[in-house]
Amino acid sequence: MVNPHYAAFVRSLADSATFLAVIAASDDQIEKQRHMEYVSRFLVHTYVEYDGKLDVEEFIDEGVVQLATANEVQQAGATFHATFNLLNQAYGDNALRRFQNGVPTGRVGLAAFESIAVGVAKNLPHIQAKPNPSGYIQQRIIDFWNAPQIQNFFAAGLRGTIRIQRTIPFGTGWFAT
């Protein structure tokens, strides 16, 4: 690892009870380090611009190296915790699940994680300035699942590179209103 201090920081975020609740992490997923992958994705998608040139996995790997080299943990940690605290207050372990007819269903997937969690993170000051940030998040999540544009995120055979070029900008714009 480029920076053992940064690796410990990522581990501490991944072990956060609130984060684990929001992503609805199972024991099996934790054993397979899926929560570490989600934290890495969150940090990279929040702080590193994707130029479309690399495969998603290569982009995440290079992004983590870039972030570890910069070693900025104060703002990243504050944004991470504030984002997942808001999502947890809004819907707990249902915050990243599909809502159909107002009822959460299915599992937490990458497209929802990228759109919702990263979208909230990229708009955090705007959201926190609202009179009821949790209520705002609740309504935007319900409206998100009813937005026809999101069908483009879940198409069978959709490459990750195309998906993140759709989910990240959409989520960023979605939570900016």
Protein backbone atom coordinates (compact mmCIF):
# COMPACT_ATOMS: atom_id res chain seq x y z
CA MET A 1 0.00 0.00 0.00
CA VAL A 2 1.21 3.48 -0.86
CA ASN A 3 0.20 4.85 2.54
CA PRO A 4 -0.50 2.57 5.54
CA HIS A 5 -2.12 5.51 7.39
CA TYR A 6 -4.63 5.95 4.56
CA ALA A 7 -5.31 2.19 4.46
CA ALA A 8 -6.14 2.30 8.18
CA PHE A 9 -8.41 5.31 7.52
CA VAL A 10 -10.30 3.39 4.80
CA ARG A 11 -10.59 0.39 7.12
CA SER A 12 -12.02 2.59 9.90
CA LEU A 13 -14.65 3.97 7.51
CA ALA A 14 -15.54 0.48 6.29
CA ASP A 15 -16.01 -0.73 9.88
CA SER A 16 -18.37 2.14 10.75
CA ALA A 17 -21.62 0.72 12.13
CA THR A 18 -23.72 3.33 10.34
CA PHE A 19 -22.08 2.61 6.99
CA LEU A 20 -22.46 -1.15 7.43
CA ALA A 21 -26.14 -0.64 8.27
CA VAL A 22 -26.81 1.55 5.22
CA ILE A 23 -25.14 -0.84 2.77
CA ALA A 24 -26.89 -3.75 4.54
CA ALA A 25 -23.60 -5.65 4.68
CA SER A 26 -23.92 -9.36 5.36
CA ASP A 27 -21.29 -11.35 7.26
CA ASP A 28 -20.33 -12.99 3.97
CA GLN A 29 -19.86 -9.61 2.26
CA ILE A 30 -17.73 -8.39 5.14
CA GLU A 31 -15.64 -11.56 5.03
CA LYS A 32 -15.09 -10.96 1.29
CA GLN A 33 -14.13 -7.30 1.99
CA ARG A 34 -17.05 -5.96 -0.05
CA HIS A 35 -17.47 -3.12 2.46
CA MET A 36 -13.86 -2.06 1.81
CA GLU A 37 -14.59 -2.00 -1.92
CA TYR A 38 -17.67 0.19 -1.36
CA VAL A 39 -15.67 2.68 0.73
CA SER A 40 -12.98 2.84 -1.95
CA ARG A 41 -15.62 3.41 -4.62
CA PHE A 42 -17.31 6.09 -2.53
CA LEU A 43 -14.09 8.01 -1.92
CA VAL A 44 -12.87 7.77 -5.52
CA HIS A 45 -16.23 8.68 -7.07
CA THR A 46 -16.62 11.58 -4.66
CA TYR A 47 -13.13 13.05 -5.05
CA VAL A 48 -11.65 11.90 -8.38
CA GLU A 49 -13.11 12.84 -11.78
CA TYR A 50 -13.62 9.94 -14.16
CA ASP A 51 -12.36 10.68 -17.68
CA GLY A 52 -13.74 7.50 -19.26
CA LYS A 53 -10.34 6.19 -20.31
CA LEU A 54 -9.83 3.43 -17.76
CA ASP A 55 -11.83 0.35 -16.87
CA VAL A 56 -13.79 0.97 -13.65
CA GLU A 57 -11.60 -1.33 -11.56
CA GLU A 58 -8.42 0.34 -12.86
CA PHE A 59 -9.97 3.75 -12.20
CA ILE A 60 -10.83 2.77 -8.61
CA ASP A 61 -7.32 1.37 -8.07
CA GLU A 62 -5.60 4.45 -9.49
CA GLY A 63 -8.02 6.74 -7.66
CA VAL A 64 -7.24 5.10 -4.32
CA VAL A 65 -3.51 5.51 -4.97
CA GLN A 66 -4.09 9.18 -5.83
CA LEU A 67 -6.15 9.73 -2.67
CA ALA A 68 -3.68 7.80 -0.49
CA THR A 69 -0.83 9.89 -1.86
CA ALA A 70 -2.71 13.12 -1.08
CA ASN A 71 -3.56 11.66 2.37
CA GLU A 72 -6.45 14.06 2.98
CA VAL A 73 -8.54 12.31 5.60
CA GLN A 74 -10.23 15.12 7.57
CA GLN A 75 -12.67 16.33 4.92
CA ALA A 76 -13.12 12.88 3.39
CA GLY A 77 -13.93 11.35 6.78
CA ALA A 78 -16.34 14.14 7.68
CA THR A 79 -18.12 13.85 4.31
CA PHE A 80 -18.29 10.06 4.57
CA HIS A 81 -19.76 10.07 8.07
CA ALA A 82 -22.22 12.90 7.37
CA THR A 83 -23.42 11.17 4.18
CA PHE A 84 -24.03 7.80 5.78
CA ASN A 85 -25.53 9.34 8.92
CA LEU A 86 -28.06 11.18 6.73
CA LEU A 87 -28.84 8.06 4.70
CA ASN A 88 -29.21 6.05 7.90
CA GLN A 89 -31.55 8.65 9.41
CA ALA A 90 -33.60 8.70 6.21
CA TYR A 91 -34.11 4.96 5.62
CA GLY A 92 -31.51 2.90 7.50
CA ASP A 93 -30.66 -0.30 5.65
CA ASN A 94 -33.29 0.53 3.01
CA ALA A 95 -31.67 3.81 1.90
CA LEU A 96 -29.97 2.21 -1.10
CA ARG A 97 -32.63 -0.36 -2.00
CA ARG A 98 -35.10 0.07 -4.85
CA PHE A 99 -38.46 1.46 -3.76
CA GLN A 100 -41.51 0.11 -5.59
CA ASN A 101 -44.85 1.59 -4.61
CA GLY A 102 -43.18 3.10 -1.56
CA VAL A 103 -41.83 -0.26 -0.35
CA PRO A 104 -38.08 -1.07 -0.31
CA THR A 105 -37.18 -4.25 -2.19
CA GLY A 106 -34.13 -6.17 -3.36
CA ARG A 107 -30.51 -5.75 -2.46
CA VAL A 108 -28.15 -2.79 -2.42
CA GLY A 109 -26.49 -2.49 -5.83
CA LEU A 110 -23.68 -0.43 -7.28
CA ALA A 111 -25.91 1.80 -9.42
CA ALA A 112 -27.95 2.91 -6.39
CA PHE A 113 -24.81 3.28 -4.28
CA GLU A 114 -23.13 5.44 -6.94
CA SER A 115 -26.19 7.57 -7.64
CA ILE A 116 -27.52 8.05 -4.14
CA ALA A 117 -24.55 7.88 -1.75
CA VAL A 118 -22.14 9.74 -4.03
CA GLY A 119 -24.89 12.15 -5.10
CA VAL A 120 -25.56 13.03 -1.46
CA ALA A 121 -21.84 13.37 -0.70
CA LYS A 122 -21.23 15.72 -3.63
CA ASN A 123 -24.12 17.94 -2.47
CA LEU A 124 -23.64 17.68 1.28
CA PRO A 125 -23.39 21.40 2.17
CA HIS A 126 -26.49 22.13 0.07
CA ILE A 127 -28.42 19.28 1.74
CA GLN A 128 -27.29 20.14 5.27
CA ALA A 129 -28.49 23.73 4.75
CA LYS A 130 -32.06 22.52 4.18
CA PRO A 131 -34.56 22.88 7.06
CA ASN A 132 -35.02 19.08 7.20
CA PRO A 133 -32.08 17.29 5.54
CA SER A 134 -33.32 13.80 6.40
CA GLY A 135 -36.80 14.52 5.05
CA TYR A 136 -35.25 15.95 1.88
CA ILE A 137 -33.19 12.77 1.43
CA GLN A 138 -36.27 10.61 2.01
CA GLN A 139 -38.27 12.40 -0.67
CA ARG A 140 -35.41 12.51 -3.18
CA ILE A 141 -34.80 8.76 -2.77
CA ILE A 142 -38.49 7.97 -3.38
CA ASP A 143 -38.52 10.30 -6.39
CA PHE A 144 -35.24 8.81 -7.64
CA TRP A 145 -36.77 5.34 -7.94
CA ASN A 146 -39.69 6.80 -9.89
CA ALA A 147 -37.45 8.74 -12.33
CA PRO A 148 -37.58 7.15 -15.80
CA GLN A 149 -33.92 8.04 -16.48
CA ILE A 150 -32.65 5.50 -13.95
CA GLN A 151 -33.69 2.59 -16.14
CA ASN A 152 -30.50 3.38 -18.09
CA PHE A 153 -28.48 2.38 -15.01
CA PHE A 154 -29.83 -1.15 -14.73
CA ALA A 155 -29.77 -2.43 -18.32
CA ALA A 156 -28.57 -6.00 -18.71
CA GLY A 157 -24.98 -6.20 -19.91
CA LEU A 158 -24.25 -2.55 -19.13
CA ARG A 159 -20.51 -2.02 -18.80
CA GLY A 160 -19.28 -0.45 -15.59
CA THR A 161 -17.57 2.34 -17.52
CA ILE A 162 -20.87 3.36 -19.09
CA ARG A 163 -22.77 2.91 -15.82
CA ILE A 164 -20.57 5.31 -13.82
CA GLN A 165 -20.71 7.86 -16.60
CA ARG A 166 -24.48 7.80 -16.06
CA THR A 167 -24.93 7.23 -12.33
CA ILE A 168 -22.41 9.69 -10.88
CA PRO A 169 -23.50 12.74 -12.91
CA PHE A 170 -27.18 11.89 -12.51
CA GLY A 171 -26.91 11.45 -8.74
CA THR A 172 -24.86 14.64 -8.44
CA GLY A 173 -27.55 16.58 -10.27
CA TRP A 174 -30.42 14.77 -8.57
CA PHE A 175 -29.41 15.79 -5.07
CA ALA A 176 -28.48 19.34 -6.11
CA THR A 177 -32.10 20.50 -6.42
